[in-house]
Amino acid sequence: MKKIKYIEFLYLYRVDKYNTKYGSMVFECRFGLNLKDEEEFIRNFLIDGEWFIAKDLNLPSLQSENDLEEEWHEFIGIKPYHSPKIELNYPKWDDFCCNLPQNQYDTFVIKISV
């Protein structure tokens, strides 16, 4: 079995009924990572296991600046990323997981009550 060195966090932003923007972020991960367990771990931090605000997770937002719609992004999943021939300095997966907000629902409540 090939060891995974990088994983890709996949997400999307629904611009409207007919348009969707896709995005991803690549992370360097520790060896022996179980993708199913890691994805379940991430989903526990998201509203209904899939919704989040990109900036709260330190991910690039896919929402355009002039878009007046909600800023909610949708988590698709994680998958192995086969690194390019050029080694880049990717953020560490463990650092990303350690910095997740304790509860995305708190962010949601703050946004609708303002």
PDB file of N, CA and C in Angstrom:
ATOM      1  N   MET A   1       0.843  -1.189   0.000  1.00  0.00           N
ATOM      2  CA  MET A   1       0.000   0.000   0.000  1.00  0.00           C
ATOM      3  C   MET A   1       0.891   1.256   0.000  1.00  0.00           C
ATOM      4  N   LYS A   2       0.590   2.170  -0.886  1.00  0.00           N
ATOM      5  CA  LYS A   2       1.379   3.394  -1.003  1.00  0.00           C
ATOM      6  C   LYS A   2       1.031   4.352   0.136  1.00  0.00           C
ATOM      7  N   LYS A   3       2.057   4.885   0.765  1.00  0.00           N
ATOM      8  CA  LYS A   3       1.826   5.834   1.854  1.00  0.00           C
ATOM      9  C   LYS A   3       1.430   7.190   1.289  1.00  0.00           C
ATOM     10  N   ILE A   4       0.506   7.832   1.960  1.00  0.00           N
ATOM     11  CA  ILE A   4       0.017   9.139   1.535  1.00  0.00           C
ATOM     12  C   ILE A   4       0.901  10.212   2.160  1.00  0.00           C
ATOM     13  N   LYS A   5       1.437  11.085   1.338  1.00  0.00           N
ATOM     14  CA  LYS A   5       2.258  12.181   1.860  1.00  0.00           C
ATOM     15  C   LYS A   5       1.481  13.494   1.873  1.00  0.00           C
ATOM     16  N   TYR A   6       0.537  13.627   0.932  1.00  0.00           N
ATOM     17  CA  TYR A   6      -0.266  14.847   0.837  1.00  0.00           C
ATOM     18  C   TYR A   6      -1.744  14.485   0.713  1.00  0.00           C
ATOM     19  N   ILE A   7      -2.590  15.345   1.267  1.00  0.00           N
ATOM     20  CA  ILE A   7      -4.026  15.179   1.061  1.00  0.00           C
ATOM     21  C   ILE A   7      -4.596  16.489   0.532  1.00  0.00           C
ATOM     22  N   GLU A   8      -5.712  16.356  -0.161  1.00  0.00           N
ATOM     23  CA  GLU A   8      -6.371  17.510  -0.755  1.00  0.00           C
ATOM     24  C   GLU A   8      -7.746  17.674  -0.117  1.00  0.00           C
ATOM     25  N   PHE A   9      -7.998  18.844   0.430  1.00  0.00           N
ATOM     26  CA  PHE A   9      -9.276  19.219   1.035  1.00  0.00           C
ATOM     27  C   PHE A   9     -10.111  19.838  -0.085  1.00  0.00           C
ATOM     28  N   LEU A  10     -11.229  19.209  -0.429  1.00  0.00           N
ATOM     29  CA  LEU A  10     -12.068  19.650  -1.548  1.00  0.00           C
ATOM     30  C   LEU A  10     -13.324  20.329  -1.033  1.00  0.00           C
ATOM     31  N   TYR A  11     -13.657  21.460  -1.631  1.00  0.00           N
ATOM     32  CA  TYR A  11     -14.858  22.175  -1.223  1.00  0.00           C
ATOM     33  C   TYR A  11     -15.413  22.972  -2.388  1.00  0.00           C
ATOM     34  N   LEU A  12     -16.620  23.499  -2.205  1.00  0.00           N
ATOM     35  CA  LEU A  12     -17.253  24.256  -3.278  1.00  0.00           C
ATOM     36  C   LEU A  12     -18.062  25.405  -2.714  1.00  0.00           C
ATOM     37  N   TYR A  13     -18.421  26.309  -3.600  1.00  0.00           N
ATOM     38  CA  TYR A  13     -19.281  27.445  -3.268  1.00  0.00           C
ATOM     39  C   TYR A  13     -20.345  27.527  -4.351  1.00  0.00           C
ATOM     40  N   ARG A  14     -21.597  27.493  -3.941  1.00  0.00           N
ATOM     41  CA  ARG A  14     -22.703  27.579  -4.895  1.00  0.00           C
ATOM     42  C   ARG A  14     -23.038  29.052  -5.120  1.00  0.00           C
ATOM     43  N   VAL A  15     -22.665  29.546  -6.279  1.00  0.00           N
ATOM     44  CA  VAL A  15     -22.891  30.946  -6.626  1.00  0.00           C
ATOM     45  C   VAL A  15     -24.384  31.200  -6.775  1.00  0.00           C
ATOM     46  N   ASP A  16     -25.049  30.329  -7.488  1.00  0.00           N
ATOM     47  CA  ASP A  16     -26.497  30.389  -7.661  1.00  0.00           C
ATOM     48  C   ASP A  16     -26.963  28.999  -8.085  1.00  0.00           C
ATOM     49  N   LYS A  17     -28.185  28.911  -8.533  1.00  0.00           N
ATOM     50  CA  LYS A  17     -28.775  27.620  -8.881  1.00  0.00           C
ATOM     51  C   LYS A  17     -27.988  26.891  -9.973  1.00  0.00           C
ATOM     52  N   TYR A  18     -27.351  27.634 -10.848  1.00  0.00           N
ATOM     53  CA  TYR A  18     -26.707  27.032 -12.013  1.00  0.00           C
ATOM     54  C   TYR A  18     -25.183  27.093 -12.010  1.00  0.00           C
ATOM     55  N   ASN A  19     -24.606  27.819 -11.095  1.00  0.00           N
ATOM     56  CA  ASN A  19     -23.150  28.006 -11.096  1.00  0.00           C
ATOM     57  C   ASN A  19     -22.532  27.589  -9.774  1.00  0.00           C
ATOM     58  N   THR A  20     -21.454  26.841  -9.880  1.00  0.00           N
ATOM     59  CA  THR A  20     -20.725  26.373  -8.713  1.00  0.00           C
ATOM     60  C   THR A  20     -19.235  26.598  -8.943  1.00  0.00           C
ATOM     61  N   LYS A  21     -18.548  27.074  -7.913  1.00  0.00           N
ATOM     62  CA  LYS A  21     -17.091  27.227  -7.966  1.00  0.00           C
ATOM     63  C   LYS A  21     -16.479  26.141  -7.086  1.00  0.00           C
ATOM     64  N   TYR A  22     -15.460  25.488  -7.601  1.00  0.00           N
ATOM     65  CA  TYR A  22     -14.781  24.428  -6.864  1.00  0.00           C
ATOM     66  C   TYR A  22     -13.410  24.907  -6.413  1.00  0.00           C
ATOM     67  N   GLY A  23     -13.001  24.453  -5.239  1.00  0.00           N
ATOM     68  CA  GLY A  23     -11.694  24.812  -4.727  1.00  0.00           C
ATOM     69  C   GLY A  23     -11.089  23.660  -3.952  1.00  0.00           C
ATOM     70  N   SER A  24      -9.816  23.777  -3.677  1.00  0.00           N
ATOM     71  CA  SER A  24      -9.142  22.760  -2.879  1.00  0.00           C
ATOM     72  C   SER A  24      -7.907  23.368  -2.236  1.00  0.00           C
ATOM     73  N   MET A  25      -7.441  22.691  -1.209  1.00  0.00           N
ATOM     74  CA  MET A  25      -6.221  23.097  -0.519  1.00  0.00           C
ATOM     75  C   MET A  25      -5.439  21.817  -0.250  1.00  0.00           C
ATOM     76  N   VAL A  26      -4.161  21.851  -0.543  1.00  0.00           N
ATOM     77  CA  VAL A  26      -3.306  20.684  -0.346  1.00  0.00           C
ATOM     78  C   VAL A  26      -2.553  20.834   0.968  1.00  0.00           C
ATOM     79  N   PHE A  27      -2.487  19.728   1.719  1.00  0.00           N
ATOM     80  CA  PHE A  27      -1.793  19.699   3.003  1.00  0.00           C
ATOM     81  C   PHE A  27      -0.802  18.545   3.020  1.00  0.00           C
ATOM     82  N   GLU A  28       0.313  18.772   3.681  1.00  0.00           N
ATOM     83  CA  GLU A  28       1.246  17.684   3.943  1.00  0.00           C
ATOM     84  C   GLU A  28       0.726  16.950   5.174  1.00  0.00           C
ATOM     85  N   CYS A  29       0.760  15.626   5.135  1.00  0.00           N
ATOM     86  CA  CYS A  29       0.215  14.881   6.279  1.00  0.00           C
ATOM     87  C   CYS A  29       1.219  13.864   6.801  1.00  0.00           C
ATOM     88  N   ARG A  30       0.948  13.406   7.989  1.00  0.00           N
ATOM     89  CA  ARG A  30       1.804  12.398   8.602  1.00  0.00           C
ATOM     90  C   ARG A  30       1.509  11.042   7.943  1.00  0.00           C
ATOM     91  N   PHE A  31       2.466  10.165   7.982  1.00  0.00           N
ATOM     92  CA  PHE A  31       2.266   8.833   7.414  1.00  0.00           C
ATOM     93  C   PHE A  31       1.304   8.040   8.290  1.00  0.00           C
ATOM     94  N   GLY A  32       0.568   7.142   7.674  1.00  0.00           N
ATOM     95  CA  GLY A  32      -0.371   6.316   8.416  1.00  0.00           C
ATOM     96  C   GLY A  32      -1.720   6.969   8.622  1.00  0.00           C
ATOM     97  N   LEU A  33      -1.963   8.059   7.949  1.00  0.00           N
ATOM     98  CA  LEU A  33      -3.221   8.793   8.070  1.00  0.00           C
ATOM     99  C   LEU A  33      -4.365   7.961   7.488  1.00  0.00           C
ATOM    100  N   ASN A  34      -5.469   7.873   8.219  1.00  0.00           N
ATOM    101  CA  ASN A  34      -6.655   7.171   7.737  1.00  0.00           C
ATOM    102  C   ASN A  34      -7.626   8.220   7.200  1.00  0.00           C
ATOM    103  N   LEU A  35      -7.815   8.258   5.892  1.00  0.00           N
ATOM    104  CA  LEU A  35      -8.640   9.300   5.272  1.00  0.00           C
ATOM    105  C   LEU A  35     -10.074   9.287   5.782  1.00  0.00           C
ATOM    106  N   LYS A  36     -10.633   8.118   5.969  1.00  0.00           N
ATOM    107  CA  LYS A  36     -12.018   8.025   6.440  1.00  0.00           C
ATOM    108  C   LYS A  36     -12.154   8.647   7.834  1.00  0.00           C
ATOM    109  N   ASP A  37     -11.230   8.320   8.725  1.00  0.00           N
ATOM    110  CA  ASP A  37     -11.266   8.886  10.082  1.00  0.00           C
ATOM    111  C   ASP A  37     -11.047  10.394  10.062  1.00  0.00           C
ATOM    112  N   GLU A  38     -10.129  10.856   9.229  1.00  0.00           N
ATOM    113  CA  GLU A  38      -9.850  12.290   9.152  1.00  0.00           C
ATOM    114  C   GLU A  38     -11.048  13.056   8.601  1.00  0.00           C
ATOM    115  N   GLU A  39     -11.710  12.500   7.601  1.00  0.00           N
ATOM    116  CA  GLU A  39     -12.878  13.171   7.032  1.00  0.00           C
ATOM    117  C   GLU A  39     -14.008  13.240   8.062  1.00  0.00           C
ATOM    118  N   GLU A  40     -14.198  12.165   8.799  1.00  0.00           N
ATOM    119  CA  GLU A  40     -15.222  12.167   9.853  1.00  0.00           C
ATOM    120  C   GLU A  40     -14.887  13.210  10.922  1.00  0.00           C
ATOM    121  N   PHE A  41     -13.612  13.316  11.272  1.00  0.00           N
ATOM    122  CA  PHE A  41     -13.166  14.306  12.249  1.00  0.00           C
ATOM    123  C   PHE A  41     -13.522  15.716  11.783  1.00  0.00           C
ATOM    124  N   ILE A  42     -13.224  16.032  10.517  1.00  0.00           N
ATOM    125  CA  ILE A  42     -13.528  17.353   9.962  1.00  0.00           C
ATOM    126  C   ILE A  42     -15.030  17.606   9.974  1.00  0.00           C
ATOM    127  N   ARG A  43     -15.803  16.632   9.538  1.00  0.00           N
ATOM    128  CA  ARG A  43     -17.260  16.808   9.459  1.00  0.00           C
ATOM    129  C   ARG A  43     -17.877  17.121  10.822  1.00  0.00           C
ATOM    130  N   ASN A  44     -17.251  16.666  11.897  1.00  0.00           N
ATOM    131  CA  ASN A  44     -17.763  16.965  13.242  1.00  0.00           C
ATOM    132  C   ASN A  44     -17.690  18.448  13.578  1.00  0.00           C
ATOM    133  N   PHE A  45     -16.854  19.201  12.884  1.00  0.00           N
ATOM    134  CA  PHE A  45     -16.713  20.635  13.138  1.00  0.00           C
ATOM    135  C   PHE A  45     -17.600  21.492  12.246  1.00  0.00           C
ATOM    136  N   LEU A  46     -18.237  20.885  11.271  1.00  0.00           N
ATOM    137  CA  LEU A  46     -19.012  21.629  10.278  1.00  0.00           C
ATOM    138  C   LEU A  46     -20.504  21.547  10.571  1.00  0.00           C
ATOM    139  N   ILE A  47     -21.240  22.551  10.140  1.00  0.00           N
ATOM    140  CA  ILE A  47     -22.691  22.537  10.322  1.00  0.00           C
ATOM    141  C   ILE A  47     -23.261  21.453   9.424  1.00  0.00           C
ATOM    142  N   ASP A  48     -24.052  20.591  10.006  1.00  0.00           N
ATOM    143  CA  ASP A  48     -24.631  19.442   9.302  1.00  0.00           C
ATOM    144  C   ASP A  48     -23.564  18.615   8.590  1.00  0.00           C
ATOM    145  N   GLY A  49     -22.348  18.656   9.094  1.00  0.00           N
ATOM    146  CA  GLY A  49     -21.268  17.859   8.541  1.00  0.00           C
ATOM    147  C   GLY A  49     -20.742  18.319   7.200  1.00  0.00           C
ATOM    148  N   GLU A  50     -21.189  19.504   6.725  1.00  0.00           N
ATOM    149  CA  GLU A  50     -20.713  19.932   5.413  1.00  0.00           C
ATOM    150  C   GLU A  50     -20.557  21.430   5.214  1.00  0.00           C
ATOM    151  N   TRP A  51     -21.181  22.284   6.002  1.00  0.00           N
ATOM    152  CA  TRP A  51     -21.184  23.731   5.745  1.00  0.00           C
ATOM    153  C   TRP A  51     -20.183  24.456   6.629  1.00  0.00           C
ATOM    154  N   PHE A  52     -19.492  25.429   6.035  1.00  0.00           N
ATOM    155  CA  PHE A  52     -18.515  26.213   6.786  1.00  0.00           C
ATOM    156  C   PHE A  52     -18.274  27.538   6.075  1.00  0.00           C
ATOM    157  N   ILE A  53     -17.670  28.466   6.804  1.00  0.00           N
ATOM    158  CA  ILE A  53     -17.229  29.734   6.231  1.00  0.00           C
ATOM    159  C   ILE A  53     -15.721  29.601   6.026  1.00  0.00           C
ATOM    160  N   ALA A  54     -15.280  29.768   4.796  1.00  0.00           N
ATOM    161  CA  ALA A  54     -13.887  29.483   4.430  1.00  0.00           C
ATOM    162  C   ALA A  54     -12.880  30.213   5.311  1.00  0.00           C
ATOM    163  N   LYS A  55     -13.104  31.504   5.551  1.00  0.00           N
ATOM    164  CA  LYS A  55     -12.114  32.260   6.332  1.00  0.00           C
ATOM    165  C   LYS A  55     -12.008  31.743   7.764  1.00  0.00           C
ATOM    166  N   ASP A  56     -13.085  31.152   8.299  1.00  0.00           N
ATOM    167  CA  ASP A  56     -13.032  30.594   9.650  1.00  0.00           C
ATOM    168  C   ASP A  56     -12.145  29.361   9.729  1.00  0.00           C
ATOM    169  N   LEU A  57     -11.931  28.704   8.594  1.00  0.00           N
ATOM    170  CA  LEU A  57     -11.046  27.539   8.546  1.00  0.00           C
ATOM    171  C   LEU A  57      -9.701  27.877   7.905  1.00  0.00           C
ATOM    172  N   ASN A  58      -9.455  29.172   7.707  1.00  0.00           N
ATOM    173  CA  ASN A  58      -8.221  29.636   7.054  1.00  0.00           C
ATOM    174  C   ASN A  58      -8.038  29.033   5.665  1.00  0.00           C
ATOM    175  N   LEU A  59      -9.154  28.930   4.940  1.00  0.00           N
ATOM    176  CA  LEU A  59      -9.132  28.463   3.556  1.00  0.00           C
ATOM    177  C   LEU A  59      -9.475  29.631   2.642  1.00  0.00           C
ATOM    178  N   PRO A  60      -8.984  29.631   1.421  1.00  0.00           N
ATOM    179  CA  PRO A  60      -9.355  30.700   0.487  1.00  0.00           C
ATOM    180  C   PRO A  60     -10.858  30.663   0.192  1.00  0.00           C
ATOM    181  N   SER A  61     -11.491  31.811   0.241  1.00  0.00           N
ATOM    182  CA  SER A  61     -12.915  31.892  -0.075  1.00  0.00           C
ATOM    183  C   SER A  61     -13.098  31.812  -1.583  1.00  0.00           C
ATOM    184  N   LEU A  62     -14.143  31.123  -1.998  1.00  0.00           N
ATOM    185  CA  LEU A  62     -14.471  31.018  -3.421  1.00  0.00           C
ATOM    186  C   LEU A  62     -15.528  32.037  -3.815  1.00  0.00           C
ATOM    187  N   GLN A  63     -15.993  32.785  -2.832  1.00  0.00           N
ATOM    188  CA  GLN A  63     -17.022  33.796  -3.063  1.00  0.00           C
ATOM    189  C   GLN A  63     -16.375  35.041  -3.663  1.00  0.00           C
ATOM    190  N   SER A  64     -16.977  35.588  -4.722  1.00  0.00           N
ATOM    191  CA  SER A  64     -16.429  36.810  -5.308  1.00  0.00           C
ATOM    192  C   SER A  64     -16.782  38.002  -4.422  1.00  0.00           C
ATOM    193  N   GLU A  65     -15.998  39.055  -4.518  1.00  0.00           N
ATOM    194  CA  GLU A  65     -16.171  40.222  -3.648  1.00  0.00           C
ATOM    195  C   GLU A  65     -17.526  40.895  -3.811  1.00  0.00           C
ATOM    196  N   ASN A  66     -18.074  40.881  -5.009  1.00  0.00           N
ATOM    197  CA  ASN A  66     -19.355  41.558  -5.235  1.00  0.00           C
ATOM    198  C   ASN A  66     -20.563  40.634  -5.067  1.00  0.00           C
ATOM    199  N   ASP A  67     -20.325  39.429  -4.581  1.00  0.00           N
ATOM    200  CA  ASP A  67     -21.412  38.479  -4.368  1.00  0.00           C
ATOM    201  C   ASP A  67     -22.120  38.805  -3.059  1.00  0.00           C
ATOM    202  N   LEU A  68     -23.414  39.017  -3.120  1.00  0.00           N
ATOM    203  CA  LEU A  68     -24.185  39.387  -1.933  1.00  0.00           C
ATOM    204  C   LEU A  68     -24.802  38.185  -1.229  1.00  0.00           C
ATOM    205  N   GLU A  69     -24.632  37.015  -1.779  1.00  0.00           N
ATOM    206  CA  GLU A  69     -25.197  35.804  -1.185  1.00  0.00           C
ATOM    207  C   GLU A  69     -24.432  35.425   0.084  1.00  0.00           C
ATOM    208  N   GLU A  70     -24.920  34.386   0.741  1.00  0.00           N
ATOM    209  CA  GLU A  70     -24.260  33.870   1.944  1.00  0.00           C
ATOM    210  C   GLU A  70     -22.833  33.425   1.615  1.00  0.00           C
ATOM    211  N   GLU A  71     -21.980  33.430   2.618  1.00  0.00           N
ATOM    212  CA  GLU A  71     -20.597  33.037   2.386  1.00  0.00           C
ATOM    213  C   GLU A  71     -20.315  31.585   2.762  1.00  0.00           C
ATOM    214  N   TRP A  72     -21.361  30.778   2.842  1.00  0.00           N
ATOM    215  CA  TRP A  72     -21.199  29.375   3.221  1.00  0.00           C
ATOM    216  C   TRP A  72     -20.594  28.570   2.083  1.00  0.00           C
ATOM    217  N   HIS A  73     -19.617  27.772   2.435  1.00  0.00           N
ATOM    218  CA  HIS A  73     -18.979  26.851   1.505  1.00  0.00           C
ATOM    219  C   HIS A  73     -19.391  25.432   1.906  1.00  0.00           C
ATOM    220  N   GLU A  74     -19.265  24.519   0.984  1.00  0.00           N
ATOM    221  CA  GLU A  74     -19.684  23.137   1.217  1.00  0.00           C
ATOM    222  C   GLU A  74     -18.472  22.207   1.109  1.00  0.00           C
ATOM    223  N   PHE A  75     -18.291  21.387   2.128  1.00  0.00           N
ATOM    224  CA  PHE A  75     -17.191  20.422   2.163  1.00  0.00           C
ATOM    225  C   PHE A  75     -17.546  19.234   1.274  1.00  0.00           C
ATOM    226  N   ILE A  76     -16.655  18.876   0.370  1.00  0.00           N
ATOM    227  CA  ILE A  76     -16.865  17.705  -0.481  1.00  0.00           C
ATOM    228  C   ILE A  76     -16.199  16.488   0.142  1.00  0.00           C
ATOM    229  N   GLY A  77     -14.959  16.645   0.582  1.00  0.00           N
ATOM    230  CA  GLY A  77     -14.235  15.528   1.178  1.00  0.00           C
ATOM    231  C   GLY A  77     -12.742  15.758   1.088  1.00  0.00           C
ATOM    232  N   ILE A  78     -11.998  14.730   1.461  1.00  0.00           N
ATOM    233  CA  ILE A  78     -10.545  14.767   1.321  1.00  0.00           C
ATOM    234  C   ILE A  78     -10.124  13.548   0.509  1.00  0.00           C
ATOM    235  N   LYS A  79      -9.011  13.684  -0.178  1.00  0.00           N
ATOM    236  CA  LYS A  79      -8.500  12.569  -0.979  1.00  0.00           C
ATOM    237  C   LYS A  79      -6.983  12.665  -1.034  1.00  0.00           C
ATOM    238  N   PRO A  80      -6.334  11.555  -1.366  1.00  0.00           N
ATOM    239  CA  PRO A  80      -4.879  11.613  -1.520  1.00  0.00           C
ATOM    240  C   PRO A  80      -4.517  12.572  -2.648  1.00  0.00           C
ATOM    241  N   TYR A  81      -3.437  13.278  -2.465  1.00  0.00           N
ATOM    242  CA  TYR A  81      -2.943  14.188  -3.495  1.00  0.00           C
ATOM    243  C   TYR A  81      -1.583  13.675  -3.927  1.00  0.00           C
ATOM    244  N   HIS A  82      -1.442  13.430  -5.192  1.00  0.00           N
ATOM    245  CA  HIS A  82      -0.168  12.931  -5.707  1.00  0.00           C
ATOM    246  C   HIS A  82       0.695  14.133  -6.043  1.00  0.00           C
ATOM    247  N   SER A  83       1.726  14.291  -5.259  1.00  0.00           N
ATOM    248  CA  SER A  83       2.535  15.505  -5.310  1.00  0.00           C
ATOM    249  C   SER A  83       3.177  15.707  -6.675  1.00  0.00           C
ATOM    250  N   PRO A  84       3.289  16.964  -7.038  1.00  0.00           N
ATOM    251  CA  PRO A  84       3.989  17.272  -8.283  1.00  0.00           C
ATOM    252  C   PRO A  84       5.476  16.979  -8.126  1.00  0.00           C
ATOM    253  N   LYS A  85       6.197  17.048  -9.217  1.00  0.00           N
ATOM    254  CA  LYS A  85       7.638  16.781  -9.166  1.00  0.00           C
ATOM    255  C   LYS A  85       8.374  17.835  -8.352  1.00  0.00           C
ATOM    256  N   ILE A  86       7.808  19.018  -8.289  1.00  0.00           N
ATOM    257  CA  ILE A  86       8.415  20.092  -7.499  1.00  0.00           C
ATOM    258  C   ILE A  86       7.831  20.039  -6.092  1.00  0.00           C
ATOM    259  N   GLU A  87       8.680  19.920  -5.107  1.00  0.00           N
ATOM    260  CA  GLU A  87       8.214  19.891  -3.721  1.00  0.00           C
ATOM    261  C   GLU A  87       7.961  21.319  -3.245  1.00  0.00           C
ATOM    262  N   LEU A  88       6.746  21.583  -2.829  1.00  0.00           N
ATOM    263  CA  LEU A  88       6.396  22.894  -2.293  1.00  0.00           C
ATOM    264  C   LEU A  88       6.265  22.799  -0.789  1.00  0.00           C
ATOM    265  N   ASN A  89       6.163  23.918  -0.153  1.00  0.00           N
ATOM    266  CA  ASN A  89       6.018  23.955   1.291  1.00  0.00           C
ATOM    267  C   ASN A  89       4.532  24.008   1.632  1.00  0.00           C
ATOM    268  N   TYR A  90       3.876  22.863   1.660  1.00  0.00           N
ATOM    269  CA  TYR A  90       2.449  22.815   1.946  1.00  0.00           C
ATOM    270  C   TYR A  90       2.201  22.950   3.443  1.00  0.00           C
ATOM    271  N   PRO A  91       1.050  23.543   3.820  1.00  0.00           N
ATOM    272  CA  PRO A  91       0.721  23.592   5.246  1.00  0.00           C
ATOM    273  C   PRO A  91       0.538  22.176   5.788  1.00  0.00           C
ATOM    274  N   LYS A  92       0.753  22.022   7.071  1.00  0.00           N
ATOM    275  CA  LYS A  92       0.631  20.711   7.720  1.00  0.00           C
ATOM    276  C   LYS A  92      -0.828  20.427   8.061  1.00  0.00           C
ATOM    277  N   TRP A  93      -1.277  19.217   7.762  1.00  0.00           N
ATOM    278  CA  TRP A  93      -2.647  18.801   8.044  1.00  0.00           C
ATOM    279  C   TRP A  93      -2.946  18.872   9.540  1.00  0.00           C
ATOM    280  N   ASP A  94      -2.023  18.417  10.369  1.00  0.00           N
ATOM    281  CA  ASP A  94      -2.251  18.436  11.820  1.00  0.00           C
ATOM    282  C   ASP A  94      -2.436  19.859  12.334  1.00  0.00           C
ATOM    283  N   ASP A  95      -1.687  20.811  11.790  1.00  0.00           N
ATOM    284  CA  ASP A  95      -1.858  22.211  12.199  1.00  0.00           C
ATOM    285  C   ASP A  95      -3.242  22.717  11.819  1.00  0.00           C
ATOM    286  N   PHE A  96      -3.696  22.363  10.620  1.00  0.00           N
ATOM    287  CA  PHE A  96      -5.035  22.759  10.176  1.00  0.00           C
ATOM    288  C   PHE A  96      -6.095  22.203  11.129  1.00  0.00           C
ATOM    289  N   CYS A  97      -5.991  20.925  11.460  1.00  0.00           N
ATOM    290  CA  CYS A  97      -6.983  20.281  12.334  1.00  0.00           C
ATOM    291  C   CYS A  97      -6.966  20.874  13.740  1.00  0.00           C
ATOM    292  N   CYS A  98      -5.796  21.217  14.237  1.00  0.00           N
ATOM    293  CA  CYS A  98      -5.693  21.786  15.589  1.00  0.00           C
ATOM    294  C   CYS A  98      -6.286  23.187  15.672  1.00  0.00           C
ATOM    295  N   ASN A  99      -6.367  23.883  14.552  1.00  0.00           N
ATOM    296  CA  ASN A  99      -6.868  25.255  14.552  1.00  0.00           C
ATOM    297  C   ASN A  99      -8.319  25.384  14.123  1.00  0.00           C
ATOM    298  N   LEU A 100      -9.025  24.263  14.040  1.00  0.00           N
ATOM    299  CA  LEU A 100     -10.443  24.335  13.683  1.00  0.00           C
ATOM    300  C   LEU A 100     -11.217  25.012  14.803  1.00  0.00           C
ATOM    301  N   PRO A 101     -12.198  25.855  14.463  1.00  0.00           N
ATOM    302  CA  PRO A 101     -13.019  26.461  15.513  1.00  0.00           C
ATOM    303  C   PRO A 101     -13.755  25.358  16.261  1.00  0.00           C
ATOM    304  N   GLN A 102     -13.973  25.560  17.531  1.00  0.00           N
ATOM    305  CA  GLN A 102     -14.621  24.525  18.331  1.00  0.00           C
ATOM    306  C   GLN A 102     -16.003  24.176  17.820  1.00  0.00           C
ATOM    307  N   ASN A 103     -16.691  25.162  17.280  1.00  0.00           N
ATOM    308  CA  ASN A 103     -18.041  24.879  16.810  1.00  0.00           C
ATOM    309  C   ASN A 103     -18.419  25.885  15.737  1.00  0.00           C
ATOM    310  N   GLN A 104     -18.590  25.420  14.523  1.00  0.00           N
ATOM    311  CA  GLN A 104     -19.013  26.301  13.435  1.00  0.00           C
ATOM    312  C   GLN A 104     -20.403  26.857  13.704  1.00  0.00           C
ATOM    313  N   TYR A 105     -21.203  26.160  14.489  1.00  0.00           N
ATOM    314  CA  TYR A 105     -22.551  26.636  14.799  1.00  0.00           C
ATOM    315  C   TYR A 105     -22.483  27.970  15.536  1.00  0.00           C
ATOM    316  N   ASP A 106     -21.495  28.155  16.396  1.00  0.00           N
ATOM    317  CA  ASP A 106     -21.341  29.434  17.097  1.00  0.00           C
ATOM    318  C   ASP A 106     -21.154  30.569  16.100  1.00  0.00           C
ATOM    319  N   THR A 107     -20.384  30.333  15.061  1.00  0.00           N
ATOM    320  CA  THR A 107     -20.187  31.333  14.012  1.00  0.00           C
ATOM    321  C   THR A 107     -21.510  31.645  13.341  1.00  0.00           C
ATOM    322  N   PHE A 108     -22.293  30.620  13.065  1.00  0.00           N
ATOM    323  CA  PHE A 108     -23.591  30.787  12.408  1.00  0.00           C
ATOM    324  C   PHE A 108     -24.528  31.631  13.274  1.00  0.00           C
ATOM    325  N   VAL A 109     -24.595  31.349  14.556  1.00  0.00           N
ATOM    326  CA  VAL A 109     -25.472  32.087  15.468  1.00  0.00           C
ATOM    327  C   VAL A 109     -25.050  33.547  15.536  1.00  0.00           C
ATOM    328  N   ILE A 110     -23.767  33.807  15.613  1.00  0.00           N
ATOM    329  CA  ILE A 110     -23.272  35.185  15.658  1.00  0.00           C
ATOM    330  C   ILE A 110     -23.658  35.919  14.382  1.00  0.00           C
ATOM    331  N   LYS A 111     -23.512  35.290  13.229  1.00  0.00           N
ATOM    332  CA  LYS A 111     -23.804  35.946  11.955  1.00  0.00           C
ATOM    333  C   LYS A 111     -25.275  36.324  11.824  1.00  0.00           C
ATOM    334  N   ILE A 112     -26.194  35.455  12.245  1.00  0.00           N
ATOM    335  CA  ILE A 112     -27.608  35.771  12.046  1.00  0.00           C
ATOM    336  C   ILE A 112     -28.149  36.691  13.129  1.00  0.00           C
ATOM    337  N   SER A 113     -27.433  36.814  14.233  1.00  0.00           N
ATOM    338  CA  SER A 113     -27.935  37.663  15.307  1.00  0.00           C
ATOM    339  C   SER A 113     -27.401  39.090  15.227  1.00  0.00           C
ATOM    340  N   VAL A 114     -26.471  39.352  14.343  1.00  0.00           N
ATOM    341  CA  VAL A 114     -25.886  40.694  14.216  1.00  0.00           C
ATOM    342  C   VAL A 114     -26.812  41.598  13.441  1.00  0.00           C
TER     343      VAL A 114
END
